[in-house]
């Protein structure tokens, strides 16, 4: 078992604890369109696809998910 030393959450897998640690250290990425912030890149990917209706693996998608990127629109 892997315990978070900051909030006492417990994880079976170390990878899950490592992902959770990002919620405490301020490590965030933002949408290049609306600048909403996310801790996990996967959540940003889903956001861009659903909220901005941009298909994955297009130039627009890659611009929107690039850390610090902007679409210029």
PDB file of N, CA and C in Angstrom:
ATOM      1  N   UNK A   1       0.839  -1.181   0.000  1.00  0.00           N
ATOM      2  CA  UNK A   1       0.000   0.000   0.000  1.00  0.00           C
ATOM      3  C   UNK A   1       0.886   1.247   0.000  1.00  0.00           C
ATOM      4  N   UNK A   2       0.401   2.284  -0.662  1.00  0.00           N
ATOM      5  CA  UNK A   2       1.145   3.532  -0.777  1.00  0.00           C
ATOM      6  C   UNK A   2       0.303   4.657  -0.194  1.00  0.00           C
ATOM      7  N   UNK A   3       0.834   5.328   0.802  1.00  0.00           N
ATOM      8  CA  UNK A   3       0.104   6.363   1.533  1.00  0.00           C
ATOM      9  C   UNK A   3       0.573   7.757   1.140  1.00  0.00           C
ATOM     10  N   UNK A   4      -0.376   8.656   0.984  1.00  0.00           N
ATOM     11  CA  UNK A   4      -0.049  10.065   0.781  1.00  0.00           C
ATOM     12  C   UNK A   4       0.282  10.649   2.149  1.00  0.00           C
ATOM     13  N   UNK A   5       1.434  11.279   2.243  1.00  0.00           N
ATOM     14  CA  UNK A   5       1.858  11.833   3.532  1.00  0.00           C
ATOM     15  C   UNK A   5       1.164  13.163   3.841  1.00  0.00           C
ATOM     16  N   UNK A   6       0.496  13.734   2.847  1.00  0.00           N
ATOM     17  CA  UNK A   6      -0.149  15.026   3.054  1.00  0.00           C
ATOM     18  C   UNK A   6      -1.632  14.933   3.406  1.00  0.00           C
ATOM     19  N   UNK A   7      -2.312  13.903   2.905  1.00  0.00           N
ATOM     20  CA  UNK A   7      -3.757  13.843   3.164  1.00  0.00           C
ATOM     21  C   UNK A   7      -4.246  12.459   3.594  1.00  0.00           C
ATOM     22  N   UNK A   8      -3.368  11.543   3.820  1.00  0.00           N
ATOM     23  CA  UNK A   8      -3.703  10.205   4.319  1.00  0.00           C
ATOM     24  C   UNK A   8      -4.481   9.331   3.342  1.00  0.00           C
ATOM     25  N   UNK A   9      -4.557   9.686   2.064  1.00  0.00           N
ATOM     26  CA  UNK A   9      -5.174   8.793   1.097  1.00  0.00           C
ATOM     27  C   UNK A   9      -4.240   7.607   0.868  1.00  0.00           C
ATOM     28  N   UNK A  10      -4.822   6.455   0.557  1.00  0.00           N
ATOM     29  CA  UNK A  10      -4.048   5.231   0.386  1.00  0.00           C
ATOM     30  C   UNK A  10      -4.309   4.672  -1.009  1.00  0.00           C
ATOM     31  N   UNK A  11      -3.241   4.225  -1.661  1.00  0.00           N
ATOM     32  CA  UNK A  11      -3.336   3.682  -3.015  1.00  0.00           C
ATOM     33  C   UNK A  11      -2.674   2.320  -3.071  1.00  0.00           C
ATOM     34  N   UNK A  12      -3.222   1.455  -3.903  1.00  0.00           N
ATOM     35  CA  UNK A  12      -2.670   0.113  -4.091  1.00  0.00           C
ATOM     36  C   UNK A  12      -1.433   0.178  -4.975  1.00  0.00           C
ATOM     37  N   UNK A  13      -1.468   1.060  -5.976  1.00  0.00           N
ATOM     38  CA  UNK A  13      -0.367   1.155  -6.942  1.00  0.00           C
ATOM     39  C   UNK A  13       0.395   2.466  -6.762  1.00  0.00           C
ATOM     40  N   UNK A  14       1.699   2.380  -6.870  1.00  0.00           N
ATOM     41  CA  UNK A  14       2.545   3.568  -6.726  1.00  0.00           C
ATOM     42  C   UNK A  14       2.229   4.603  -7.809  1.00  0.00           C
ATOM     43  N   UNK A  15       1.917   4.152  -9.000  1.00  0.00           N
ATOM     44  CA  UNK A  15       1.601   5.094 -10.094  1.00  0.00           C
ATOM     45  C   UNK A  15       0.399   5.968  -9.745  1.00  0.00           C
ATOM     46  N   UNK A  16      -0.561   5.389  -9.014  1.00  0.00           N
ATOM     47  CA  UNK A  16      -1.728   6.166  -8.608  1.00  0.00           C
ATOM     48  C   UNK A  16      -1.358   7.208  -7.554  1.00  0.00           C
ATOM     49  N   UNK A  17      -0.470   6.842  -6.645  1.00  0.00           N
ATOM     50  CA  UNK A  17       0.016   7.813  -5.660  1.00  0.00           C
ATOM     51  C   UNK A  17       0.791   8.927  -6.362  1.00  0.00           C
ATOM     52  N   UNK A  18       1.625   8.571  -7.331  1.00  0.00           N
ATOM     53  CA  UNK A  18       2.391   9.587  -8.064  1.00  0.00           C
ATOM     54  C   UNK A  18       1.461  10.557  -8.784  1.00  0.00           C
ATOM     55  N   UNK A  19       0.397  10.037  -9.386  1.00  0.00           N
ATOM     56  CA  UNK A  19      -0.581  10.893 -10.061  1.00  0.00           C
ATOM     57  C   UNK A  19      -1.281  11.794  -9.044  1.00  0.00           C
ATOM     58  N   UNK A  20      -1.642  11.237  -7.903  1.00  0.00           N
ATOM     59  CA  UNK A  20      -2.299  12.000  -6.844  1.00  0.00           C
ATOM     60  C   UNK A  20      -1.393  13.101  -6.295  1.00  0.00           C
ATOM     61  N   UNK A  21      -0.096  12.831  -6.187  1.00  0.00           N
ATOM     62  CA  UNK A  21       0.856  13.823  -5.661  1.00  0.00           C
ATOM     63  C   UNK A  21       0.785  15.147  -6.412  1.00  0.00           C
ATOM     64  N   UNK A  22       0.450  15.091  -7.695  1.00  0.00           N
ATOM     65  CA  UNK A  22       0.371  16.315  -8.500  1.00  0.00           C
ATOM     66  C   UNK A  22      -0.713  17.259  -7.985  1.00  0.00           C
ATOM     67  N   UNK A  23      -1.710  16.739  -7.282  1.00  0.00           N
ATOM     68  CA  UNK A  23      -2.760  17.599  -6.747  1.00  0.00           C
ATOM     69  C   UNK A  23      -2.233  18.462  -5.609  1.00  0.00           C
ATOM     70  N   UNK A  24      -1.137  18.047  -5.006  1.00  0.00           N
ATOM     71  CA  UNK A  24      -0.570  18.793  -3.880  1.00  0.00           C
ATOM     72  C   UNK A  24       0.573  19.724  -4.281  1.00  0.00           C
ATOM     73  N   UNK A  25       1.291  19.390  -5.359  1.00  0.00           N
ATOM     74  CA  UNK A  25       2.492  20.176  -5.669  1.00  0.00           C
ATOM     75  C   UNK A  25       2.255  21.316  -6.654  1.00  0.00           C
ATOM     76  N   UNK A  26       1.007  21.534  -7.053  1.00  0.00           N
ATOM     77  CA  UNK A  26       0.702  22.661  -7.925  1.00  0.00           C
ATOM     78  C   UNK A  26       1.052  22.440  -9.377  1.00  0.00           C
ATOM     79  N   UNK A  27       1.375  21.208  -9.748  1.00  0.00           N
ATOM     80  CA  UNK A  27       1.715  20.892 -11.125  1.00  0.00           C
ATOM     81  C   UNK A  27       0.440  20.821 -11.960  1.00  0.00           C
ATOM     82  N   UNK A  28       0.212  21.823 -12.799  1.00  0.00           N
ATOM     83  CA  UNK A  28      -0.997  21.859 -13.615  1.00  0.00           C
ATOM     84  C   UNK A  28      -0.648  22.169 -15.060  1.00  0.00           C
ATOM     85  N   UNK A  29      -1.540  21.774 -15.962  1.00  0.00           N
ATOM     86  CA  UNK A  29      -1.449  22.126 -17.370  1.00  0.00           C
ATOM     87  C   UNK A  29      -2.757  22.809 -17.730  1.00  0.00           C
ATOM     88  N   UNK A  30      -2.729  23.653 -18.738  1.00  0.00           N
ATOM     89  CA  UNK A  30      -3.945  24.395 -19.057  1.00  0.00           C
ATOM     90  C   UNK A  30      -4.334  24.230 -20.514  1.00  0.00           C
ATOM     91  N   UNK A  31      -5.616  24.405 -20.753  1.00  0.00           N
ATOM     92  CA  UNK A  31      -6.182  24.361 -22.090  1.00  0.00           C
ATOM     93  C   UNK A  31      -5.674  25.584 -22.860  1.00  0.00           C
ATOM     94  N   UNK A  32      -5.200  25.349 -24.078  1.00  0.00           N
ATOM     95  CA  UNK A  32      -4.700  26.442 -24.901  1.00  0.00           C
ATOM     96  C   UNK A  32      -5.796  27.315 -25.478  1.00  0.00           C
ATOM     97  N   UNK A  33      -7.056  26.935 -25.267  1.00  0.00           N
ATOM     98  CA  UNK A  33      -8.175  27.712 -25.793  1.00  0.00           C
ATOM     99  C   UNK A  33      -8.806  28.572 -24.704  1.00  0.00           C
ATOM    100  N   UNK A  34      -9.197  27.933 -23.601  1.00  0.00           N
ATOM    101  CA  UNK A  34      -9.926  28.661 -22.555  1.00  0.00           C
ATOM    102  C   UNK A  34      -9.114  28.810 -21.265  1.00  0.00           C
ATOM    103  N   UNK A  35      -7.955  28.199 -21.225  1.00  0.00           N
ATOM    104  CA  UNK A  35      -7.013  28.291 -20.096  1.00  0.00           C
ATOM    105  C   UNK A  35      -7.503  27.637 -18.808  1.00  0.00           C
ATOM    106  N   UNK A  36      -8.527  26.777 -18.902  1.00  0.00           N
ATOM    107  CA  UNK A  36      -8.933  25.986 -17.744  1.00  0.00           C
ATOM    108  C   UNK A  36      -7.766  25.069 -17.387  1.00  0.00           C
ATOM    109  N   UNK A  37      -7.533  24.868 -16.092  1.00  0.00           N
ATOM    110  CA  UNK A  37      -6.379  24.084 -15.674  1.00  0.00           C
ATOM    111  C   UNK A  37      -6.766  22.669 -15.258  1.00  0.00           C
ATOM    112  N   UNK A  38      -5.810  21.765 -15.440  1.00  0.00           N
ATOM    113  CA  UNK A  38      -5.993  20.351 -15.143  1.00  0.00           C
ATOM    114  C   UNK A  38      -4.723  19.797 -14.505  1.00  0.00           C
ATOM    115  N   UNK A  39      -4.902  18.809 -13.644  1.00  0.00           N
ATOM    116  CA  UNK A  39      -3.766  18.123 -13.036  1.00  0.00           C
ATOM    117  C   UNK A  39      -3.304  16.993 -13.951  1.00  0.00           C
ATOM    118  N   UNK A  40      -4.234  16.342 -14.612  1.00  0.00           N
ATOM    119  CA  UNK A  40      -3.906  15.200 -15.459  1.00  0.00           C
ATOM    120  C   UNK A  40      -4.127  15.532 -16.929  1.00  0.00           C
ATOM    121  N   UNK A  41      -3.159  15.183 -17.747  1.00  0.00           N
ATOM    122  CA  UNK A  41      -3.242  15.452 -19.184  1.00  0.00           C
ATOM    123  C   UNK A  41      -4.463  14.773 -19.808  1.00  0.00           C
ATOM    124  N   UNK A  42      -4.802  13.581 -19.356  1.00  0.00           N
ATOM    125  CA  UNK A  42      -5.955  12.887 -19.918  1.00  0.00           C
ATOM    126  C   UNK A  42      -7.233  13.702 -19.743  1.00  0.00           C
ATOM    127  N   UNK A  43      -7.390  14.348 -18.600  1.00  0.00           N
ATOM    128  CA  UNK A  43      -8.574  15.184 -18.385  1.00  0.00           C
ATOM    129  C   UNK A  43      -8.579  16.387 -19.319  1.00  0.00           C
ATOM    130  N   UNK A  44      -7.410  16.934 -19.598  1.00  0.00           N
ATOM    131  CA  UNK A  44      -7.314  18.026 -20.574  1.00  0.00           C
ATOM    132  C   UNK A  44      -7.708  17.526 -21.963  1.00  0.00           C
ATOM    133  N   UNK A  45      -7.233  16.334 -22.334  1.00  0.00           N
ATOM    134  CA  UNK A  45      -7.576  15.776 -23.642  1.00  0.00           C
ATOM    135  C   UNK A  45      -9.087  15.629 -23.795  1.00  0.00           C
ATOM    136  N   UNK A  46      -9.723  15.078 -22.777  1.00  0.00           N
ATOM    137  CA  UNK A  46     -11.175  14.891 -22.805  1.00  0.00           C
ATOM    138  C   UNK A  46     -11.887  16.239 -22.887  1.00  0.00           C
ATOM    139  N   UNK A  47     -11.411  17.208 -22.125  1.00  0.00           N
ATOM    140  CA  UNK A  47     -11.989  18.556 -22.127  1.00  0.00           C
ATOM    141  C   UNK A  47     -11.959  19.161 -23.536  1.00  0.00           C
ATOM    142  N   UNK A  48     -10.813  19.092 -24.190  1.00  0.00           N
ATOM    143  CA  UNK A  48     -10.666  19.692 -25.523  1.00  0.00           C
ATOM    144  C   UNK A  48     -11.601  19.006 -26.514  1.00  0.00           C
ATOM    145  N   UNK A  49     -11.708  17.684 -26.422  1.00  0.00           N
ATOM    146  CA  UNK A  49     -12.566  16.952 -27.348  1.00  0.00           C
ATOM    147  C   UNK A  49     -14.044  17.248 -27.116  1.00  0.00           C
ATOM    148  N   UNK A  50     -14.464  17.282 -25.860  1.00  0.00           N
ATOM    149  CA  UNK A  50     -15.893  17.433 -25.567  1.00  0.00           C
ATOM    150  C   UNK A  50     -16.352  18.884 -25.517  1.00  0.00           C
ATOM    151  N   UNK A  51     -15.604  19.742 -24.855  1.00  0.00           N
ATOM    152  CA  UNK A  51     -16.042  21.133 -24.684  1.00  0.00           C
ATOM    153  C   UNK A  51     -15.783  21.993 -25.919  1.00  0.00           C
ATOM    154  N   UNK A  52     -14.668  21.749 -26.578  1.00  0.00           N
ATOM    155  CA  UNK A  52     -14.309  22.567 -27.731  1.00  0.00           C
ATOM    156  C   UNK A  52     -14.584  21.853 -29.056  1.00  0.00           C
ATOM    157  N   UNK A  53     -15.050  20.599 -28.967  1.00  0.00           N
ATOM    158  CA  UNK A  53     -15.433  19.815 -30.152  1.00  0.00           C
ATOM    159  C   UNK A  53     -14.309  19.720 -31.177  1.00  0.00           C
ATOM    160  N   UNK A  54     -13.101  19.446 -30.675  1.00  0.00           N
ATOM    161  CA  UNK A  54     -11.948  19.301 -31.554  1.00  0.00           C
ATOM    162  C   UNK A  54     -11.531  17.831 -31.548  1.00  0.00           C
ATOM    163  N   UNK A  55     -11.438  17.252 -32.732  1.00  0.00           N
ATOM    164  CA  UNK A  55     -11.082  15.838 -32.862  1.00  0.00           C
ATOM    165  C   UNK A  55      -9.630  15.612 -32.465  1.00  0.00           C
ATOM    166  N   UNK A  56      -9.414  14.455 -31.848  1.00  0.00           N
ATOM    167  CA  UNK A  56      -8.060  14.079 -31.428  1.00  0.00           C
ATOM    168  C   UNK A  56      -7.193  13.873 -32.666  1.00  0.00           C
ATOM    169  N   UNK A  57      -5.901  14.088 -32.500  1.00  0.00           N
ATOM    170  CA  UNK A  57      -4.902  13.889 -33.555  1.00  0.00           C
ATOM    171  C   UNK A  57      -5.077  14.830 -34.744  1.00  0.00           C
ATOM    172  N   UNK A  58      -5.551  16.041 -34.470  1.00  0.00           N
ATOM    173  CA  UNK A  58      -5.588  17.088 -35.493  1.00  0.00           C
ATOM    174  C   UNK A  58      -4.614  18.179 -35.050  1.00  0.00           C
ATOM    175  N   UNK A  59      -4.161  19.021 -35.958  1.00  0.00           N
ATOM    176  CA  UNK A  59      -3.264  20.110 -35.557  1.00  0.00           C
ATOM    177  C   UNK A  59      -3.888  21.022 -34.491  1.00  0.00           C
ATOM    178  N   UNK A  60      -5.193  21.265 -34.609  1.00  0.00           N
ATOM    179  CA  UNK A  60      -5.875  22.116 -33.632  1.00  0.00           C
ATOM    180  C   UNK A  60      -5.859  21.484 -32.247  1.00  0.00           C
ATOM    181  N   UNK A  61      -6.055  20.162 -32.202  1.00  0.00           N
ATOM    182  CA  UNK A  61      -6.038  19.438 -30.930  1.00  0.00           C
ATOM    183  C   UNK A  61      -4.663  19.548 -30.285  1.00  0.00           C
ATOM    184  N   UNK A  62      -3.626  19.313 -31.060  1.00  0.00           N
ATOM    185  CA  UNK A  62      -2.268  19.357 -30.514  1.00  0.00           C
ATOM    186  C   UNK A  62      -1.883  20.759 -30.057  1.00  0.00           C
ATOM    187  N   UNK A  63      -2.381  21.778 -30.736  1.00  0.00           N
ATOM    188  CA  UNK A  63      -2.132  23.151 -30.289  1.00  0.00           C
ATOM    189  C   UNK A  63      -2.831  23.430 -28.971  1.00  0.00           C
ATOM    190  N   UNK A  64      -4.043  22.911 -28.824  1.00  0.00           N
ATOM    191  CA  UNK A  64      -4.836  23.172 -27.611  1.00  0.00           C
ATOM    192  C   UNK A  64      -4.255  22.465 -26.387  1.00  0.00           C
ATOM    193  N   UNK A  65      -3.644  21.296 -26.572  1.00  0.00           N
ATOM    194  CA  UNK A  65      -3.137  20.560 -25.413  1.00  0.00           C
ATOM    195  C   UNK A  65      -1.675  20.820 -25.123  1.00  0.00           C
ATOM    196  N   UNK A  66      -1.000  21.537 -26.011  1.00  0.00           N
ATOM    197  CA  UNK A  66       0.407  21.846 -25.777  1.00  0.00           C
ATOM    198  C   UNK A  66       0.514  22.716 -24.534  1.00  0.00           C
ATOM    199  N   UNK A  67       1.376  22.343 -23.629  1.00  0.00           N
ATOM    200  CA  UNK A  67       1.531  23.101 -22.381  1.00  0.00           C
ATOM    201  C   UNK A  67       1.967  24.516 -22.732  1.00  0.00           C
ATOM    202  N   UNK A  68       1.170  25.464 -22.283  1.00  0.00           N
ATOM    203  CA  UNK A  68       1.463  26.856 -22.574  1.00  0.00           C
ATOM    204  C   UNK A  68       1.066  27.269 -23.986  1.00  0.00           C
ATOM    205  N   UNK A  69       0.450  26.346 -24.729  1.00  0.00           N
ATOM    206  CA  UNK A  69       0.079  26.633 -26.100  1.00  0.00           C
ATOM    207  C   UNK A  69      -1.187  27.460 -26.199  1.00  0.00           C
ATOM    208  N   UNK A  70      -1.375  28.056 -27.350  1.00  0.00           N
ATOM    209  CA  UNK A  70      -2.597  28.820 -27.594  1.00  0.00           C
ATOM    210  C   UNK A  70      -3.015  28.604 -29.031  1.00  0.00           C
ATOM    211  N   UNK A  71      -4.294  28.662 -29.264  1.00  0.00           N
ATOM    212  CA  UNK A  71      -4.824  28.446 -30.606  1.00  0.00           C
ATOM    213  C   UNK A  71      -4.762  29.711 -31.452  1.00  0.00           C
ATOM    214  N   UNK A  72      -4.623  30.840 -30.828  1.00  0.00           N
ATOM    215  CA  UNK A  72      -4.591  32.078 -31.585  1.00  0.00           C
ATOM    216  C   UNK A  72      -5.949  32.515 -32.096  1.00  0.00           C
ATOM    217  N   UNK A  73      -7.009  32.040 -31.449  1.00  0.00           N
ATOM    218  CA  UNK A  73      -8.358  32.446 -31.881  1.00  0.00           C
ATOM    219  C   UNK A  73      -9.039  33.224 -30.780  1.00  0.00           C
TER     220      UNK A  73
END
